[in-house]
Amino acid sequence: MLISELFRWQAALDVPIEELLCEPQDSLSPRVLTRARLLRIMKTAIAIRRQSRSEAERRLARLLVEQLLELMPELKEVSGWPAVGHRRTTEEYGRIAENPIPDDWMHEAS
């Protein structure tokens, strides 16, 4: 793999370059773990906002969402935990199927 491709993967995944260079550990790096935790908290905050029964609860949930966005702006597109329904099965497709990455994405000129 070319170094330029490695750096494109690093930018696309938004992870430290050492995550791509080092052998996987049993645990995530502190930065990736923190991002995963913030994502879960955001999903919970949005679910609370959606299920709030009083204006005071909605206001607190909105404040929490705003504070999380200050820490990690890319959480803006996150949705809350499913309130009803079921988990996606292996036959159902996620967002990547809706917006596929072109095959030549890694070979495009930087």
PDB file of N, CA and C in Angstrom:
ATOM      1  N   MET A   1       0.857  -1.174   0.000  1.00  0.00           N
ATOM      2  CA  MET A   1       0.000   0.000   0.000  1.00  0.00           C
ATOM      3  C   MET A   1       0.899   1.232   0.000  1.00  0.00           C
ATOM      4  N   LEU A   2       0.526   2.185  -0.812  1.00  0.00           N
ATOM      5  CA  LEU A   2       1.277   3.437  -0.866  1.00  0.00           C
ATOM      6  C   LEU A   2       1.018   4.252   0.400  1.00  0.00           C
ATOM      7  N   ILE A   3       2.007   5.022   0.798  1.00  0.00           N
ATOM      8  CA  ILE A   3       1.868   5.886   1.981  1.00  0.00           C
ATOM      9  C   ILE A   3       0.708   6.864   1.777  1.00  0.00           C
ATOM     10  N   SER A   4       0.568   7.382   0.565  1.00  0.00           N
ATOM     11  CA  SER A   4      -0.527   8.327   0.303  1.00  0.00           C
ATOM     12  C   SER A   4      -1.886   7.666   0.522  1.00  0.00           C
ATOM     13  N   GLU A   5      -2.026   6.385   0.159  1.00  0.00           N
ATOM     14  CA  GLU A   5      -3.277   5.668   0.400  1.00  0.00           C
ATOM     15  C   GLU A   5      -3.509   5.477   1.893  1.00  0.00           C
ATOM     16  N   LEU A   6      -2.445   5.177   2.615  1.00  0.00           N
ATOM     17  CA  LEU A   6      -2.549   5.016   4.061  1.00  0.00           C
ATOM     18  C   LEU A   6      -3.059   6.300   4.711  1.00  0.00           C
ATOM     19  N   PHE A   7      -2.539   7.434   4.272  1.00  0.00           N
ATOM     20  CA  PHE A   7      -2.978   8.705   4.838  1.00  0.00           C
ATOM     21  C   PHE A   7      -4.406   9.040   4.422  1.00  0.00           C
ATOM     22  N   ARG A   8      -4.837   8.606   3.250  1.00  0.00           N
ATOM     23  CA  ARG A   8      -6.233   8.819   2.856  1.00  0.00           C
ATOM     24  C   ARG A   8      -7.153   7.988   3.744  1.00  0.00           C
ATOM     25  N   TRP A   9      -6.756   6.752   4.056  1.00  0.00           N
ATOM     26  CA  TRP A   9      -7.552   5.924   4.963  1.00  0.00           C
ATOM     27  C   TRP A   9      -7.598   6.559   6.345  1.00  0.00           C
ATOM     28  N   GLN A  10      -6.473   7.065   6.786  1.00  0.00           N
ATOM     29  CA  GLN A  10      -6.416   7.708   8.096  1.00  0.00           C
ATOM     30  C   GLN A  10      -7.363   8.898   8.154  1.00  0.00           C
ATOM     31  N   ALA A  11      -7.385   9.705   7.097  1.00  0.00           N
ATOM     32  CA  ALA A  11      -8.274  10.869   7.058  1.00  0.00           C
ATOM     33  C   ALA A  11      -9.740  10.430   6.987  1.00  0.00           C
ATOM     34  N   ALA A  12     -10.028   9.429   6.180  1.00  0.00           N
ATOM     35  CA  ALA A  12     -11.408   8.967   6.028  1.00  0.00           C
ATOM     36  C   ALA A  12     -11.954   8.364   7.317  1.00  0.00           C
ATOM     37  N   LEU A  13     -11.121   7.621   8.022  1.00  0.00           N
ATOM     38  CA  LEU A  13     -11.555   6.972   9.259  1.00  0.00           C
ATOM     39  C   LEU A  13     -11.439   7.885  10.466  1.00  0.00           C
ATOM     40  N   ASP A  14     -10.660   8.961  10.297  1.00  0.00           N
ATOM     41  CA  ASP A  14     -10.442   9.923  11.376  1.00  0.00           C
ATOM     42  C   ASP A  14      -9.934   9.227  12.629  1.00  0.00           C
ATOM     43  N   VAL A  15      -8.877   8.449  12.451  1.00  0.00           N
ATOM     44  CA  VAL A  15      -8.222   7.765  13.564  1.00  0.00           C
ATOM     45  C   VAL A  15      -6.749   8.134  13.547  1.00  0.00           C
ATOM     46  N   PRO A  16      -6.058   7.998  14.662  1.00  0.00           N
ATOM     47  CA  PRO A  16      -4.621   8.246  14.665  1.00  0.00           C
ATOM     48  C   PRO A  16      -3.921   7.296  13.699  1.00  0.00           C
ATOM     49  N   ILE A  17      -2.891   7.775  13.038  1.00  0.00           N
ATOM     50  CA  ILE A  17      -2.174   6.964  12.046  1.00  0.00           C
ATOM     51  C   ILE A  17      -1.621   5.683  12.663  1.00  0.00           C
ATOM     52  N   GLU A  18      -1.250   5.722  13.936  1.00  0.00           N
ATOM     53  CA  GLU A  18      -0.718   4.516  14.582  1.00  0.00           C
ATOM     54  C   GLU A  18      -1.757   3.405  14.663  1.00  0.00           C
ATOM     55  N   GLU A  19      -3.051   3.776  14.622  1.00  0.00           N
ATOM     56  CA  GLU A  19      -4.097   2.754  14.605  1.00  0.00           C
ATOM     57  C   GLU A  19      -4.006   1.905  13.338  1.00  0.00           C
ATOM     58  N   LEU A  20      -3.514   2.490  12.263  1.00  0.00           N
ATOM     59  CA  LEU A  20      -3.406   1.779  10.994  1.00  0.00           C
ATOM     60  C   LEU A  20      -2.052   1.097  10.825  1.00  0.00           C
ATOM     61  N   LEU A  21      -1.063   1.534  11.574  1.00  0.00           N
ATOM     62  CA  LEU A  21       0.292   0.992  11.422  1.00  0.00           C
ATOM     63  C   LEU A  21       0.620  -0.125  12.396  1.00  0.00           C
ATOM     64  N   CYS A  22       0.015  -0.104  13.567  1.00  0.00           N
ATOM     65  CA  CYS A  22       0.349  -1.070  14.612  1.00  0.00           C
ATOM     66  C   CYS A  22      -0.601  -2.262  14.562  1.00  0.00           C
ATOM     67  N   GLU A  23      -0.110  -3.380  15.056  1.00  0.00           N
ATOM     68  CA  GLU A  23      -0.954  -4.567  15.162  1.00  0.00           C
ATOM     69  C   GLU A  23      -2.094  -4.277  16.129  1.00  0.00           C
ATOM     70  N   PRO A  24      -3.276  -4.793  15.851  1.00  0.00           N
ATOM     71  CA  PRO A  24      -4.407  -4.538  16.749  1.00  0.00           C
ATOM     72  C   PRO A  24      -4.137  -5.064  18.158  1.00  0.00           C
ATOM     73  N   GLN A  25      -4.600  -4.306  19.123  1.00  0.00           N
ATOM     74  CA  GLN A  25      -4.502  -4.689  20.523  1.00  0.00           C
ATOM     75  C   GLN A  25      -5.833  -5.307  20.938  1.00  0.00           C
ATOM     76  N   ASP A  26      -5.906  -5.738  22.167  1.00  0.00           N
ATOM     77  CA  ASP A  26      -7.167  -6.254  22.687  1.00  0.00           C
ATOM     78  C   ASP A  26      -8.177  -5.144  22.936  1.00  0.00           C
ATOM     79  N   SER A  27      -7.682  -3.906  23.031  1.00  0.00           N
ATOM     80  CA  SER A  27      -8.583  -2.799  23.318  1.00  0.00           C
ATOM     81  C   SER A  27      -8.361  -1.674  22.313  1.00  0.00           C
ATOM     82  N   LEU A  28      -9.307  -0.752  22.269  1.00  0.00           N
ATOM     83  CA  LEU A  28      -9.210   0.397  21.389  1.00  0.00           C
ATOM     84  C   LEU A  28      -8.243   1.419  21.965  1.00  0.00           C
ATOM     85  N   SER A  29      -7.715   2.265  21.111  1.00  0.00           N
ATOM     86  CA  SER A  29      -6.864   3.354  21.596  1.00  0.00           C
ATOM     87  C   SER A  29      -7.729   4.295  22.430  1.00  0.00           C
ATOM     88  N   PRO A  30      -7.123   5.056  23.323  1.00  0.00           N
ATOM     89  CA  PRO A  30      -7.912   5.975  24.159  1.00  0.00           C
ATOM     90  C   PRO A  30      -8.759   6.939  23.333  1.00  0.00           C
ATOM     91  N   ARG A  31      -8.232   7.447  22.230  1.00  0.00           N
ATOM     92  CA  ARG A  31      -8.980   8.400  21.407  1.00  0.00           C
ATOM     93  C   ARG A  31     -10.200   7.739  20.771  1.00  0.00           C
ATOM     94  N   VAL A  32     -10.025   6.559  20.207  1.00  0.00           N
ATOM     95  CA  VAL A  32     -11.134   5.860  19.566  1.00  0.00           C
ATOM     96  C   VAL A  32     -12.169   5.437  20.604  1.00  0.00           C
ATOM     97  N   LEU A  33     -11.707   4.990  21.770  1.00  0.00           N
ATOM     98  CA  LEU A  33     -12.619   4.606  22.842  1.00  0.00           C
ATOM     99  C   LEU A  33     -13.450   5.798  23.321  1.00  0.00           C
ATOM    100  N   THR A  34     -12.816   6.955  23.457  1.00  0.00           N
ATOM    101  CA  THR A  34     -13.528   8.162  23.868  1.00  0.00           C
ATOM    102  C   THR A  34     -14.586   8.536  22.842  1.00  0.00           C
ATOM    103  N   ARG A  35     -14.243   8.459  21.559  1.00  0.00           N
ATOM    104  CA  ARG A  35     -15.203   8.778  20.497  1.00  0.00           C
ATOM    105  C   ARG A  35     -16.392   7.811  20.544  1.00  0.00           C
ATOM    106  N   ALA A  36     -16.128   6.534  20.766  1.00  0.00           N
ATOM    107  CA  ALA A  36     -17.210   5.543  20.845  1.00  0.00           C
ATOM    108  C   ALA A  36     -18.119   5.839  22.039  1.00  0.00           C
ATOM    109  N   ARG A  37     -17.530   6.227  23.148  1.00  0.00           N
ATOM    110  CA  ARG A  37     -18.330   6.550  24.334  1.00  0.00           C
ATOM    111  C   ARG A  37     -19.186   7.790  24.108  1.00  0.00           C
ATOM    112  N   LEU A  38     -18.613   8.818  23.468  1.00  0.00           N
ATOM    113  CA  LEU A  38     -19.378  10.029  23.177  1.00  0.00           C
ATOM    114  C   LEU A  38     -20.538   9.722  22.223  1.00  0.00           C
ATOM    115  N   LEU A  39     -20.317   8.843  21.280  1.00  0.00           N
ATOM    116  CA  LEU A  39     -21.379   8.439  20.359  1.00  0.00           C
ATOM    117  C   LEU A  39     -22.541   7.789  21.119  1.00  0.00           C
ATOM    118  N   ARG A  40     -22.222   6.888  22.040  1.00  0.00           N
ATOM    119  CA  ARG A  40     -23.283   6.232  22.821  1.00  0.00           C
ATOM    120  C   ARG A  40     -24.038   7.240  23.686  1.00  0.00           C
ATOM    121  N   ILE A  41     -23.312   8.189  24.281  1.00  0.00           N
ATOM    122  CA  ILE A  41     -23.960   9.207  25.107  1.00  0.00           C
ATOM    123  C   ILE A  41     -24.882  10.071  24.241  1.00  0.00           C
ATOM    124  N   MET A  42     -24.440  10.426  23.029  1.00  0.00           N
ATOM    125  CA  MET A  42     -25.272  11.229  22.144  1.00  0.00           C
ATOM    126  C   MET A  42     -26.545  10.482  21.770  1.00  0.00           C
ATOM    127  N   LYS A  43     -26.437   9.202  21.465  1.00  0.00           N
ATOM    128  CA  LYS A  43     -27.623   8.412  21.127  1.00  0.00           C
ATOM    129  C   LYS A  43     -28.611   8.402  22.295  1.00  0.00           C
ATOM    130  N   THR A  44     -28.092   8.311  23.505  1.00  0.00           N
ATOM    131  CA  THR A  44     -28.939   8.327  24.688  1.00  0.00           C
ATOM    132  C   THR A  44     -29.590   9.701  24.876  1.00  0.00           C
ATOM    133  N   ALA A  45     -28.828  10.773  24.699  1.00  0.00           N
ATOM    134  CA  ALA A  45     -29.364  12.129  24.854  1.00  0.00           C
ATOM    135  C   ALA A  45     -30.474  12.399  23.847  1.00  0.00           C
ATOM    136  N   ILE A  46     -30.292  11.958  22.618  1.00  0.00           N
ATOM    137  CA  ILE A  46     -31.319  12.168  21.596  1.00  0.00           C
ATOM    138  C   ILE A  46     -32.565  11.346  21.917  1.00  0.00           C
ATOM    139  N   ALA A  47     -32.365  10.121  22.388  1.00  0.00           N
ATOM    140  CA  ALA A  47     -33.513   9.293  22.776  1.00  0.00           C
ATOM    141  C   ALA A  47     -34.276   9.933  23.935  1.00  0.00           C
ATOM    142  N   ILE A  48     -33.561  10.488  24.896  1.00  0.00           N
ATOM    143  CA  ILE A  48     -34.207  11.174  26.030  1.00  0.00           C
ATOM    144  C   ILE A  48     -34.994  12.374  25.519  1.00  0.00           C
ATOM    145  N   ARG A  49     -34.391  13.161  24.631  1.00  0.00           N
ATOM    146  CA  ARG A  49     -35.076  14.337  24.081  1.00  0.00           C
ATOM    147  C   ARG A  49     -36.357  13.927  23.361  1.00  0.00           C
ATOM    148  N   ARG A  50     -36.269  12.851  22.606  1.00  0.00           N
ATOM    149  CA  ARG A  50     -37.424  12.377  21.830  1.00  0.00           C
ATOM    150  C   ARG A  50     -38.541  11.872  22.745  1.00  0.00           C
ATOM    151  N   GLN A  51     -38.187  11.261  23.870  1.00  0.00           N
ATOM    152  CA  GLN A  51     -39.187  10.652  24.745  1.00  0.00           C
ATOM    153  C   GLN A  51     -39.570  11.534  25.929  1.00  0.00           C
ATOM    154  N   SER A  52     -39.046  12.755  25.985  1.00  0.00           N
ATOM    155  CA  SER A  52     -39.349  13.662  27.094  1.00  0.00           C
ATOM    156  C   SER A  52     -40.829  13.977  27.147  1.00  0.00           C
ATOM    157  N   ARG A  53     -41.337  14.044  28.366  1.00  0.00           N
ATOM    158  CA  ARG A  53     -42.758  14.351  28.543  1.00  0.00           C
ATOM    159  C   ARG A  53     -42.972  15.795  28.951  1.00  0.00           C
ATOM    160  N   SER A  54     -41.943  16.432  29.477  1.00  0.00           N
ATOM    161  CA  SER A  54     -42.120  17.825  29.909  1.00  0.00           C
ATOM    162  C   SER A  54     -41.139  18.723  29.157  1.00  0.00           C
ATOM    163  N   GLU A  55     -41.477  19.996  29.124  1.00  0.00           N
ATOM    164  CA  GLU A  55     -40.600  20.961  28.466  1.00  0.00           C
ATOM    165  C   GLU A  55     -39.266  21.061  29.196  1.00  0.00           C
ATOM    166  N   ALA A  56     -39.262  20.925  30.505  1.00  0.00           N
ATOM    167  CA  ALA A  56     -38.010  20.988  31.272  1.00  0.00           C
ATOM    168  C   ALA A  56     -37.074  19.840  30.873  1.00  0.00           C
ATOM    169  N   GLU A  57     -37.628  18.647  30.716  1.00  0.00           N
ATOM    170  CA  GLU A  57     -36.811  17.504  30.291  1.00  0.00           C
ATOM    171  C   GLU A  57     -36.264  17.726  28.882  1.00  0.00           C
ATOM    172  N   ARG A  58     -37.105  18.231  27.974  1.00  0.00           N
ATOM    173  CA  ARG A  58     -36.653  18.494  26.600  1.00  0.00           C
ATOM    174  C   ARG A  58     -35.547  19.536  26.582  1.00  0.00           C
ATOM    175  N   ARG A  59     -35.679  20.557  27.412  1.00  0.00           N
ATOM    176  CA  ARG A  59     -34.676  21.619  27.475  1.00  0.00           C
ATOM    177  C   ARG A  59     -33.338  21.067  27.966  1.00  0.00           C
ATOM    178  N   LEU A  60     -33.370  20.233  29.003  1.00  0.00           N
ATOM    179  CA  LEU A  60     -32.132  19.624  29.502  1.00  0.00           C
ATOM    180  C   LEU A  60     -31.500  18.699  28.457  1.00  0.00           C
ATOM    181  N   ALA A  61     -32.329  17.934  27.766  1.00  0.00           N
ATOM    182  CA  ALA A  61     -31.809  17.036  26.733  1.00  0.00           C
ATOM    183  C   ALA A  61     -31.195  17.838  25.586  1.00  0.00           C
ATOM    184  N   ARG A  62     -31.852  18.930  25.177  1.00  0.00           N
ATOM    185  CA  ARG A  62     -31.292  19.792  24.123  1.00  0.00           C
ATOM    186  C   ARG A  62     -29.947  20.363  24.555  1.00  0.00           C
ATOM    187  N   LEU A  63     -29.856  20.789  25.817  1.00  0.00           N
ATOM    188  CA  LEU A  63     -28.606  21.337  26.334  1.00  0.00           C
ATOM    189  C   LEU A  63     -27.501  20.279  26.291  1.00  0.00           C
ATOM    190  N   LEU A  64     -27.824  19.065  26.687  1.00  0.00           N
ATOM    191  CA  LEU A  64     -26.851  17.978  26.655  1.00  0.00           C
ATOM    192  C   LEU A  64     -26.386  17.701  25.221  1.00  0.00           C
ATOM    193  N   VAL A  65     -27.319  17.680  24.274  1.00  0.00           N
ATOM    194  CA  VAL A  65     -26.964  17.461  22.864  1.00  0.00           C
ATOM    195  C   VAL A  65     -26.040  18.576  22.380  1.00  0.00           C
ATOM    196  N   GLU A  66     -26.363  19.821  22.694  1.00  0.00           N
ATOM    197  CA  GLU A  66     -25.525  20.955  22.288  1.00  0.00           C
ATOM    198  C   GLU A  66     -24.118  20.845  22.869  1.00  0.00           C
ATOM    199  N   GLN A  67     -24.015  20.448  24.129  1.00  0.00           N
ATOM    200  CA  GLN A  67     -22.701  20.315  24.763  1.00  0.00           C
ATOM    201  C   GLN A  67     -21.889  19.193  24.123  1.00  0.00           C
ATOM    202  N   LEU A  68     -22.550  18.094  23.776  1.00  0.00           N
ATOM    203  CA  LEU A  68     -21.852  17.000  23.099  1.00  0.00           C
ATOM    204  C   LEU A  68     -21.372  17.431  21.718  1.00  0.00           C
ATOM    205  N   LEU A  69     -22.162  18.232  21.022  1.00  0.00           N
ATOM    206  CA  LEU A  69     -21.752  18.719  19.709  1.00  0.00           C
ATOM    207  C   LEU A  69     -20.550  19.652  19.806  1.00  0.00           C
ATOM    208  N   GLU A  70     -20.428  20.376  20.904  1.00  0.00           N
ATOM    209  CA  GLU A  70     -19.238  21.206  21.112  1.00  0.00           C
ATOM    210  C   GLU A  70     -17.988  20.333  21.209  1.00  0.00           C
ATOM    211  N   LEU A  71     -18.116  19.183  21.851  1.00  0.00           N
ATOM    212  CA  LEU A  71     -16.986  18.267  22.008  1.00  0.00           C
ATOM    213  C   LEU A  71     -16.657  17.516  20.720  1.00  0.00           C
ATOM    214  N   MET A  72     -17.709  17.157  19.985  1.00  0.00           N
ATOM    215  CA  MET A  72     -17.519  16.308  18.810  1.00  0.00           C
ATOM    216  C   MET A  72     -18.569  16.684  17.759  1.00  0.00           C
ATOM    217  N   PRO A  73     -18.294  17.687  16.916  1.00  0.00           N
ATOM    218  CA  PRO A  73     -19.274  18.187  15.953  1.00  0.00           C
ATOM    219  C   PRO A  73     -19.823  17.128  14.999  1.00  0.00           C
ATOM    220  N   GLU A  74     -19.071  16.097  14.703  1.00  0.00           N
ATOM    221  CA  GLU A  74     -19.547  15.078  13.761  1.00  0.00           C
ATOM    222  C   GLU A  74     -20.703  14.253  14.322  1.00  0.00           C
ATOM    223  N   LEU A  75     -21.042  14.431  15.586  1.00  0.00           N
ATOM    224  CA  LEU A  75     -22.198  13.744  16.165  1.00  0.00           C
ATOM    225  C   LEU A  75     -23.513  14.339  15.679  1.00  0.00           C
ATOM    226  N   LYS A  76     -23.445  15.417  14.909  1.00  0.00           N
ATOM    227  CA  LYS A  76     -24.653  16.098  14.445  1.00  0.00           C
ATOM    228  C   LYS A  76     -25.587  15.159  13.685  1.00  0.00           C
ATOM    229  N   GLU A  77     -25.055  14.201  12.974  1.00  0.00           N
ATOM    230  CA  GLU A  77     -25.870  13.311  12.148  1.00  0.00           C
ATOM    231  C   GLU A  77     -26.351  12.058  12.891  1.00  0.00           C
ATOM    232  N   VAL A  78     -26.030  11.942  14.170  1.00  0.00           N
ATOM    233  CA  VAL A  78     -26.376  10.742  14.936  1.00  0.00           C
ATOM    234  C   VAL A  78     -27.860  10.759  15.296  1.00  0.00           C
ATOM    235  N   SER A  79     -28.475   9.591  15.227  1.00  0.00           N
ATOM    236  CA  SER A  79     -29.868   9.465  15.657  1.00  0.00           C
ATOM    237  C   SER A  79     -29.889   8.744  17.003  1.00  0.00           C
ATOM    238  N   GLY A  80     -31.013   8.824  17.679  1.00  0.00           N
ATOM    239  CA  GLY A  80     -31.145   8.190  18.990  1.00  0.00           C
ATOM    240  C   GLY A  80     -31.279   6.679  18.889  1.00  0.00           C
ATOM    241  N   TRP A  81     -31.288   6.043  20.025  1.00  0.00           N
ATOM    242  CA  TRP A  81     -31.510   4.605  20.073  1.00  0.00           C
ATOM    243  C   TRP A  81     -32.914   4.314  19.554  1.00  0.00           C
ATOM    244  N   PRO A  82     -33.101   3.199  18.888  1.00  0.00           N
ATOM    245  CA  PRO A  82     -34.450   2.872  18.407  1.00  0.00           C
ATOM    246  C   PRO A  82     -35.426   2.729  19.577  1.00  0.00           C
ATOM    247  N   ALA A  83     -36.564   3.386  19.458  1.00  0.00           N
ATOM    248  CA  ALA A  83     -37.580   3.303  20.513  1.00  0.00           C
ATOM    249  C   ALA A  83     -38.488   2.106  20.292  1.00  0.00           C
ATOM    250  N   VAL A  84     -38.687   1.763  19.045  1.00  0.00           N
ATOM    251  CA  VAL A  84     -39.529   0.627  18.690  1.00  0.00           C
ATOM    252  C   VAL A  84     -38.885  -0.089  17.517  1.00  0.00           C
ATOM    253  N   GLY A  85     -39.395  -1.237  17.204  1.00  0.00           N
ATOM    254  CA  GLY A  85     -38.884  -1.949  16.040  1.00  0.00           C
ATOM    255  C   GLY A  85     -37.874  -3.011  16.433  1.00  0.00           C
ATOM    256  N   HIS A  86     -37.002  -3.291  15.511  1.00  0.00           N
ATOM    257  CA  HIS A  86     -36.048  -4.370  15.711  1.00  0.00           C
ATOM    258  C   HIS A  86     -34.671  -3.969  15.193  1.00  0.00           C
ATOM    259  N   ARG A  87     -33.678  -4.720  15.586  1.00  0.00           N
ATOM    260  CA  ARG A  87     -32.338  -4.495  15.069  1.00  0.00           C
ATOM    261  C   ARG A  87     -32.280  -4.932  13.611  1.00  0.00           C
ATOM    262  N   ARG A  88     -31.381  -4.325  12.872  1.00  0.00           N
ATOM    263  CA  ARG A  88     -31.215  -4.670  11.467  1.00  0.00           C
ATOM    264  C   ARG A  88     -30.689  -6.098  11.348  1.00  0.00           C
ATOM    265  N   THR A  89     -31.286  -6.859  10.454  1.00  0.00           N
ATOM    266  CA  THR A  89     -30.824  -8.228  10.223  1.00  0.00           C
ATOM    267  C   THR A  89     -29.672  -8.213   9.232  1.00  0.00           C
ATOM    268  N   THR A  90     -29.050  -9.360   9.027  1.00  0.00           N
ATOM    269  CA  THR A  90     -27.935  -9.447   8.079  1.00  0.00           C
ATOM    270  C   THR A  90     -28.395  -9.219   6.649  1.00  0.00           C
ATOM    271  N   GLU A  91     -29.696  -9.360   6.385  1.00  0.00           N
ATOM    272  CA  GLU A  91     -30.209  -9.131   5.038  1.00  0.00           C
ATOM    273  C   GLU A  91     -30.534  -7.661   4.773  1.00  0.00           C
ATOM    274  N   GLU A  92     -30.639  -6.855   5.829  1.00  0.00           N
ATOM    275  CA  GLU A  92     -30.948  -5.441   5.674  1.00  0.00           C
ATOM    276  C   GLU A  92     -29.652  -4.652   5.522  1.00  0.00           C
ATOM    277  N   TYR A  93     -29.751  -3.534   4.812  1.00  0.00           N
ATOM    278  CA  TYR A  93     -28.570  -2.736   4.525  1.00  0.00           C
ATOM    279  C   TYR A  93     -28.520  -1.489   5.395  1.00  0.00           C
ATOM    280  N   GLY A  94     -27.315  -1.026   5.668  1.00  0.00           N
ATOM    281  CA  GLY A  94     -27.111   0.189   6.441  1.00  0.00           C
ATOM    282  C   GLY A  94     -26.865   1.379   5.532  1.00  0.00           C
ATOM    283  N   ARG A  95     -26.356   2.463   6.116  1.00  0.00           N
ATOM    284  CA  ARG A  95     -26.139   3.710   5.379  1.00  0.00           C
ATOM    285  C   ARG A  95     -25.105   3.563   4.275  1.00  0.00           C
ATOM    286  N   ILE A  96     -24.160   2.661   4.427  1.00  0.00           N
ATOM    287  CA  ILE A  96     -23.133   2.504   3.402  1.00  0.00           C
ATOM    288  C   ILE A  96     -23.748   2.007   2.097  1.00  0.00           C
ATOM    289  N   ALA A  97     -24.824   1.245   2.181  1.00  0.00           N
ATOM    290  CA  ALA A  97     -25.501   0.777   0.968  1.00  0.00           C
ATOM    291  C   ALA A  97     -26.222   1.924   0.276  1.00  0.00           C
ATOM    292  N   GLU A  98     -26.691   2.889   1.058  1.00  0.00           N
ATOM    293  CA  GLU A  98     -27.373   4.046   0.485  1.00  0.00           C
ATOM    294  C   GLU A  98     -26.398   5.010  -0.170  1.00  0.00           C
ATOM    295  N   ASN A  99     -25.195   5.126   0.382  1.00  0.00           N
ATOM    296  CA  ASN A  99     -24.167   6.043  -0.124  1.00  0.00           C
ATOM    297  C   ASN A  99     -22.850   5.292  -0.283  1.00  0.00           C
ATOM    298  N   PRO A 100     -22.770   4.409  -1.277  1.00  0.00           N
ATOM    299  CA  PRO A 100     -21.558   3.602  -1.410  1.00  0.00           C
ATOM    300  C   PRO A 100     -20.331   4.442  -1.756  1.00  0.00           C
ATOM    301  N   ILE A 101     -19.183   3.942  -1.344  1.00  0.00           N
ATOM    302  CA  ILE A 101     -17.906   4.578  -1.655  1.00  0.00           C
ATOM    303  C   ILE A 101     -17.463   4.058  -3.013  1.00  0.00           C
ATOM    304  N   PRO A 102     -17.106   4.951  -3.951  1.00  0.00           N
ATOM    305  CA  PRO A 102     -16.679   4.485  -5.270  1.00  0.00           C
ATOM    306  C   PRO A 102     -15.453   3.569  -5.177  1.00  0.00           C
ATOM    307  N   ASP A 103     -15.386   2.588  -6.087  1.00  0.00           N
ATOM    308  CA  ASP A 103     -14.268   1.645  -6.089  1.00  0.00           C
ATOM    309  C   ASP A 103     -12.924   2.332  -6.265  1.00  0.00           C
ATOM    310  N   ASP A 104     -12.900   3.418  -7.019  1.00  0.00           N
ATOM    311  CA  ASP A 104     -11.622   4.104  -7.303  1.00  0.00           C
ATOM    312  C   ASP A 104     -11.314   5.213  -6.294  1.00  0.00           C
ATOM    313  N   TRP A 105     -12.061   5.264  -5.199  1.00  0.00           N
ATOM    314  CA  TRP A 105     -11.877   6.321  -4.206  1.00  0.00           C
ATOM    315  C   TRP A 105     -10.455   6.395  -3.697  1.00  0.00           C
ATOM    316  N   MET A 106      -9.841   5.267  -3.414  1.00  0.00           N
ATOM    317  CA  MET A 106      -8.472   5.259  -2.875  1.00  0.00           C
ATOM    318  C   MET A 106      -7.427   5.606  -3.927  1.00  0.00           C
ATOM    319  N   HIS A 107      -7.792   5.558  -5.184  1.00  0.00           N
ATOM    320  CA  HIS A 107      -6.801   5.797  -6.246  1.00  0.00           C
ATOM    321  C   HIS A 107      -6.957   7.152  -6.894  1.00  0.00           C
ATOM    322  N   GLU A 108      -7.929   7.950  -6.440  1.00  0.00           N
ATOM    323  CA  GLU A 108      -8.103   9.277  -6.974  1.00  0.00           C
ATOM    324  C   GLU A 108      -6.931  10.136  -6.537  1.00  0.00           C
ATOM    325  N   ALA A 109      -6.582  11.097  -7.353  1.00  0.00           N
ATOM    326  CA  ALA A 109      -5.470  12.000  -7.020  1.00  0.00           C
ATOM    327  C   ALA A 109      -5.834  12.839  -5.804  1.00  0.00           C
ATOM    328  N   SER A 110      -4.876  13.037  -4.923  1.00  0.00           N
ATOM    329  CA  SER A 110      -5.111  13.842  -3.717  1.00  0.00           C
ATOM    330  C   SER A 110      -5.188  15.298  -4.039  1.00  0.00           C
TER     331      SER A 110
END
